[in-house]
Amino acid sequence: MDVYLKPLAAGVLALVGLLVIIALFVTHPVWLVPTAVTMAAANMILLLIVAK
């Protein structure tokens, strides 16, 4: 992968993850919140792995 593509891909992933989480919060169900938090944590771990 290109040096410039990695941060770009990571940024896009973070943005998509953020949008998904916002969408989940807006469309409610309380039980979705822990799922969203778990997804956010997994996303951050993924980003850290990709960034290295």
PDB file of N, CA and C in Angstrom:
ATOM      1  N   MET A   1       0.828  -1.203   0.000  1.00  0.00           N
ATOM      2  CA  MET A   1       0.000   0.000   0.000  1.00  0.00           C
ATOM      3  C   MET A   1       0.865   1.257   0.000  1.00  0.00           C
ATOM      4  N   ASP A   2       0.354   2.298  -0.640  1.00  0.00           N
ATOM      5  CA  ASP A   2       1.073   3.561  -0.703  1.00  0.00           C
ATOM      6  C   ASP A   2       1.131   4.222   0.671  1.00  0.00           C
ATOM      7  N   VAL A   3       2.142   5.035   0.892  1.00  0.00           N
ATOM      8  CA  VAL A   3       2.326   5.712   2.177  1.00  0.00           C
ATOM      9  C   VAL A   3       1.171   6.674   2.444  1.00  0.00           C
ATOM     10  N   TYR A   4       0.666   7.292   1.381  1.00  0.00           N
ATOM     11  CA  TYR A   4      -0.420   8.271   1.524  1.00  0.00           C
ATOM     12  C   TYR A   4      -1.793   7.609   1.580  1.00  0.00           C
ATOM     13  N   LEU A   5      -1.900   6.394   1.044  1.00  0.00           N
ATOM     14  CA  LEU A   5      -3.184   5.699   1.012  1.00  0.00           C
ATOM     15  C   LEU A   5      -3.579   5.159   2.384  1.00  0.00           C
ATOM     16  N   LYS A   6      -2.586   4.748   3.174  1.00  0.00           N
ATOM     17  CA  LYS A   6      -2.884   4.181   4.498  1.00  0.00           C
ATOM     18  C   LYS A   6      -3.619   5.164   5.412  1.00  0.00           C
ATOM     19  N   PRO A   7      -3.086   6.378   5.627  1.00  0.00           N
ATOM     20  CA  PRO A   7      -3.812   7.334   6.483  1.00  0.00           C
ATOM     21  C   PRO A   7      -5.161   7.713   5.896  1.00  0.00           C
ATOM     22  N   LEU A   8      -5.237   7.803   4.579  1.00  0.00           N
ATOM     23  CA  LEU A   8      -6.485   8.140   3.894  1.00  0.00           C
ATOM     24  C   LEU A   8      -7.530   7.068   4.146  1.00  0.00           C
ATOM     25  N   ALA A   9      -7.139   5.807   3.975  1.00  0.00           N
ATOM     26  CA  ALA A   9      -8.048   4.682   4.214  1.00  0.00           C
ATOM     27  C   ALA A   9      -8.483   4.657   5.680  1.00  0.00           C
ATOM     28  N   ALA A  10      -7.550   4.922   6.583  1.00  0.00           N
ATOM     29  CA  ALA A  10      -7.856   4.956   8.013  1.00  0.00           C
ATOM     30  C   ALA A  10      -8.844   6.074   8.325  1.00  0.00           C
ATOM     31  N   GLY A  11      -8.640   7.230   7.705  1.00  0.00           N
ATOM     32  CA  GLY A  11      -9.537   8.367   7.888  1.00  0.00           C
ATOM     33  C   GLY A  11     -10.932   8.071   7.391  1.00  0.00           C
ATOM     34  N   VAL A  12     -11.017   7.444   6.215  1.00  0.00           N
ATOM     35  CA  VAL A  12     -12.313   7.070   5.634  1.00  0.00           C
ATOM     36  C   VAL A  12     -13.019   6.068   6.538  1.00  0.00           C
ATOM     37  N   LEU A  13     -12.279   5.071   7.026  1.00  0.00           N
ATOM     38  CA  LEU A  13     -12.830   4.074   7.949  1.00  0.00           C
ATOM     39  C   LEU A  13     -13.385   4.729   9.205  1.00  0.00           C
ATOM     40  N   ALA A  14     -12.616   5.660   9.771  1.00  0.00           N
ATOM     41  CA  ALA A  14     -13.040   6.361  10.984  1.00  0.00           C
ATOM     42  C   ALA A  14     -14.311   7.160  10.725  1.00  0.00           C
ATOM     43  N   LEU A  15     -14.347   7.840   9.575  1.00  0.00           N
ATOM     44  CA  LEU A  15     -15.503   8.662   9.212  1.00  0.00           C
ATOM     45  C   LEU A  15     -16.747   7.806   9.045  1.00  0.00           C
ATOM     46  N   VAL A  16     -16.604   6.690   8.336  1.00  0.00           N
ATOM     47  CA  VAL A  16     -17.731   5.772   8.121  1.00  0.00           C
ATOM     48  C   VAL A  16     -18.220   5.218   9.459  1.00  0.00           C
ATOM     49  N   GLY A  17     -17.285   4.800  10.306  1.00  0.00           N
ATOM     50  CA  GLY A  17     -17.635   4.282  11.621  1.00  0.00           C
ATOM     51  C   GLY A  17     -18.389   5.306  12.454  1.00  0.00           C
ATOM     52  N   LEU A  18     -17.904   6.553  12.400  1.00  0.00           N
ATOM     53  CA  LEU A  18     -18.543   7.646  13.125  1.00  0.00           C
ATOM     54  C   LEU A  18     -19.958   7.883  12.621  1.00  0.00           C
ATOM     55  N   LEU A  19     -20.131   7.896  11.299  1.00  0.00           N
ATOM     56  CA  LEU A  19     -21.453   8.105  10.698  1.00  0.00           C
ATOM     57  C   LEU A  19     -22.415   6.994  11.085  1.00  0.00           C
ATOM     58  N   VAL A  20     -21.923   5.751  11.087  1.00  0.00           N
ATOM     59  CA  VAL A  20     -22.752   4.605  11.476  1.00  0.00           C
ATOM     60  C   VAL A  20     -23.209   4.747  12.929  1.00  0.00           C
ATOM     61  N   ILE A  21     -22.279   5.125  13.810  1.00  0.00           N
ATOM     62  CA  ILE A  21     -22.595   5.296  15.230  1.00  0.00           C
ATOM     63  C   ILE A  21     -23.614   6.420  15.432  1.00  0.00           C
ATOM     64  N   ILE A  22     -23.417   7.550  14.726  1.00  0.00           N
ATOM     65  CA  ILE A  22     -24.368   8.672  14.805  1.00  0.00           C
ATOM     66  C   ILE A  22     -25.740   8.227  14.321  1.00  0.00           C
ATOM     67  N   ALA A  23     -25.763   7.488  13.211  1.00  0.00           N
ATOM     68  CA  ALA A  23     -27.027   6.981  12.661  1.00  0.00           C
ATOM     69  C   ALA A  23     -27.731   6.078  13.675  1.00  0.00           C
ATOM     70  N   LEU A  24     -26.970   5.221  14.353  1.00  0.00           N
ATOM     71  CA  LEU A  24     -27.540   4.328  15.367  1.00  0.00           C
ATOM     72  C   LEU A  24     -28.120   5.119  16.538  1.00  0.00           C
ATOM     73  N   PHE A  25     -27.405   6.159  16.961  1.00  0.00           N
ATOM     74  CA  PHE A  25     -27.900   6.979  18.073  1.00  0.00           C
ATOM     75  C   PHE A  25     -29.162   7.731  17.691  1.00  0.00           C
ATOM     76  N   VAL A  26     -29.206   8.243  16.448  1.00  0.00           N
ATOM     77  CA  VAL A  26     -30.373   9.006  15.979  1.00  0.00           C
ATOM     78  C   VAL A  26     -31.592   8.100  15.844  1.00  0.00           C
ATOM     79  N   THR A  27     -31.375   6.896  15.312  1.00  0.00           N
ATOM     80  CA  THR A  27     -32.492   5.959  15.121  1.00  0.00           C
ATOM     81  C   THR A  27     -32.808   5.154  16.390  1.00  0.00           C
ATOM     82  N   HIS A  28     -32.301   5.624  17.518  1.00  0.00           N
ATOM     83  CA  HIS A  28     -32.519   5.099  18.868  1.00  0.00           C
ATOM     84  C   HIS A  28     -32.237   3.628  19.180  1.00  0.00           C
ATOM     85  N   PRO A  29     -33.226   2.789  19.592  1.00  0.00           N
ATOM     86  CA  PRO A  29     -33.096   1.629  20.478  1.00  0.00           C
ATOM     87  C   PRO A  29     -31.910   1.651  21.459  1.00  0.00           C
ATOM     88  N   VAL A  30     -32.261   1.663  22.744  1.00  0.00           N
ATOM     89  CA  VAL A  30     -31.263   1.760  23.821  1.00  0.00           C
ATOM     90  C   VAL A  30     -30.262   0.603  23.751  1.00  0.00           C
ATOM     91  N   TRP A  31     -30.717  -0.582  23.363  1.00  0.00           N
ATOM     92  CA  TRP A  31     -29.825  -1.750  23.300  1.00  0.00           C
ATOM     93  C   TRP A  31     -28.766  -1.609  22.207  1.00  0.00           C
ATOM     94  N   LEU A  32     -28.970  -0.662  21.263  1.00  0.00           N
ATOM     95  CA  LEU A  32     -27.986  -0.440  20.204  1.00  0.00           C
ATOM     96  C   LEU A  32     -26.774   0.354  20.695  1.00  0.00           C
ATOM     97  N   VAL A  33     -26.963   1.094  21.797  1.00  0.00           N
ATOM     98  CA  VAL A  33     -25.878   1.939  22.295  1.00  0.00           C
ATOM     99  C   VAL A  33     -24.641   1.129  22.696  1.00  0.00           C
ATOM    100  N   PRO A  34     -24.771   0.055  23.515  1.00  0.00           N
ATOM    101  CA  PRO A  34     -23.575  -0.746  23.828  1.00  0.00           C
ATOM    102  C   PRO A  34     -22.935  -1.349  22.583  1.00  0.00           C
ATOM    103  N   THR A  35     -23.775  -1.743  21.627  1.00  0.00           N
ATOM    104  CA  THR A  35     -23.281  -2.280  20.358  1.00  0.00           C
ATOM    105  C   THR A  35     -22.466  -1.225  19.625  1.00  0.00           C
ATOM    106  N   ALA A  36     -22.987   0.003  19.584  1.00  0.00           N
ATOM    107  CA  ALA A  36     -22.298   1.112  18.924  1.00  0.00           C
ATOM    108  C   ALA A  36     -20.966   1.407  19.612  1.00  0.00           C
ATOM    109  N   VAL A  37     -20.976   1.374  20.941  1.00  0.00           N
ATOM    110  CA  VAL A  37     -19.756   1.623  21.714  1.00  0.00           C
ATOM    111  C   VAL A  37     -18.718   0.539  21.429  1.00  0.00           C
ATOM    112  N   THR A  38     -19.170  -0.705  21.376  1.00  0.00           N
ATOM    113  CA  THR A  38     -18.288  -1.836  21.060  1.00  0.00           C
ATOM    114  C   THR A  38     -17.709  -1.679  19.658  1.00  0.00           C
ATOM    115  N   MET A  39     -18.566  -1.288  18.705  1.00  0.00           N
ATOM    116  CA  MET A  39     -18.126  -1.064  17.329  1.00  0.00           C
ATOM    117  C   MET A  39     -17.095   0.055  17.264  1.00  0.00           C
ATOM    118  N   ALA A  40     -17.329   1.119  18.034  1.00  0.00           N
ATOM    119  CA  ALA A  40     -16.401   2.250  18.073  1.00  0.00           C
ATOM    120  C   ALA A  40     -15.040   1.810  18.611  1.00  0.00           C
ATOM    121  N   ALA A  41     -15.059   1.006  19.673  1.00  0.00           N
ATOM    122  CA  ALA A  41     -13.821   0.492  20.264  1.00  0.00           C
ATOM    123  C   ALA A  41     -13.074  -0.385  19.269  1.00  0.00           C
ATOM    124  N   ALA A  42     -13.820  -1.273  18.590  1.00  0.00           N
ATOM    125  CA  ALA A  42     -13.226  -2.155  17.586  1.00  0.00           C
ATOM    126  C   ALA A  42     -12.635  -1.335  16.444  1.00  0.00           C
ATOM    127  N   ASN A  43     -13.349  -0.273  16.053  1.00  0.00           N
ATOM    128  CA  ASN A  43     -12.900   0.608  14.983  1.00  0.00           C
ATOM    129  C   ASN A  43     -11.584   1.286  15.362  1.00  0.00           C
ATOM    130  N   MET A  44     -11.484   1.762  16.612  1.00  0.00           N
ATOM    131  CA  MET A  44     -10.276   2.430  17.083  1.00  0.00           C
ATOM    132  C   MET A  44      -9.088   1.468  17.101  1.00  0.00           C
ATOM    133  N   ILE A  45      -9.331   0.233  17.550  1.00  0.00           N
ATOM    134  CA  ILE A  45      -8.281  -0.787  17.569  1.00  0.00           C
ATOM    135  C   ILE A  45      -7.810  -1.072  16.144  1.00  0.00           C
ATOM    136  N   LEU A  46      -8.784  -1.185  15.223  1.00  0.00           N
ATOM    137  CA  LEU A  46      -8.488  -1.410  13.809  1.00  0.00           C
ATOM    138  C   LEU A  46      -7.632  -0.280  13.259  1.00  0.00           C
ATOM    139  N   LEU A  47      -7.993   0.960  13.595  1.00  0.00           N
ATOM    140  CA  LEU A  47      -7.249   2.132  13.127  1.00  0.00           C
ATOM    141  C   LEU A  47      -5.820   2.108  13.647  1.00  0.00           C
ATOM    142  N   LEU A  48      -5.654   1.721  14.921  1.00  0.00           N
ATOM    143  CA  LEU A  48      -4.320   1.658  15.510  1.00  0.00           C
ATOM    144  C   LEU A  48      -3.464   0.621  14.796  1.00  0.00           C
ATOM    145  N   ILE A  49      -4.086  -0.517  14.436  1.00  0.00           N
ATOM    146  CA  ILE A  49      -3.374  -1.577  13.718  1.00  0.00           C
ATOM    147  C   ILE A  49      -2.978  -1.090  12.323  1.00  0.00           C
ATOM    148  N   VAL A  50      -3.918  -0.432  11.646  1.00  0.00           N
ATOM    149  CA  VAL A  50      -3.670   0.073  10.284  1.00  0.00           C
ATOM    150  C   VAL A  50      -2.597   1.163  10.298  1.00  0.00           C
ATOM    151  N   ALA A  51      -2.622   2.009  11.324  1.00  0.00           N
ATOM    152  CA  ALA A  51      -1.690   3.134  11.416  1.00  0.00           C
ATOM    153  C   ALA A  51      -0.239   2.673  11.595  1.00  0.00           C
ATOM    154  N   LYS A  52      -0.050   1.499  12.203  1.00  0.00           N
ATOM    155  CA  LYS A  52       1.307   1.010  12.465  1.00  0.00           C
ATOM    156  C   LYS A  52       1.997   0.457  11.237  1.00  0.00           C
TER     157      LYS A  52
END
